[in-house]
C-alpha cells in the first residue's frame, strides 16, 4: 500500500514540473556580489526606468545601497503615455 502512494506522488510531481526554458523564463536575484562589501549580499530591486522594451530595474546592496546590477523585465505590460 505504501508503494502505491509513492507512485502516485511521483506521477503528480512530474505533471507539475515545467519543462526546459519555461521553468527559467523569469527570475529575480535575491543575493548578488557587492564590490564595496566584498561579499554576496541580499539585494533590493528598484524600478529605474520605464522603457518601450520593458521596465529596467536596478539591484541595490541591502547594506550599503551600492548598485550591484540591472535587469530589463520584458514581460511587463505596455504602458500608455498620457499627454
Foldseek 3Di string as FASTA:
>chain_A
DVVVVVVVVVVVVVVPDDDDCVVVVDDDDQWDADPVVRGIAGWDWAFDDQDQQATKIWTAGPPPRDTRDMDGDNPDDGDDDDD
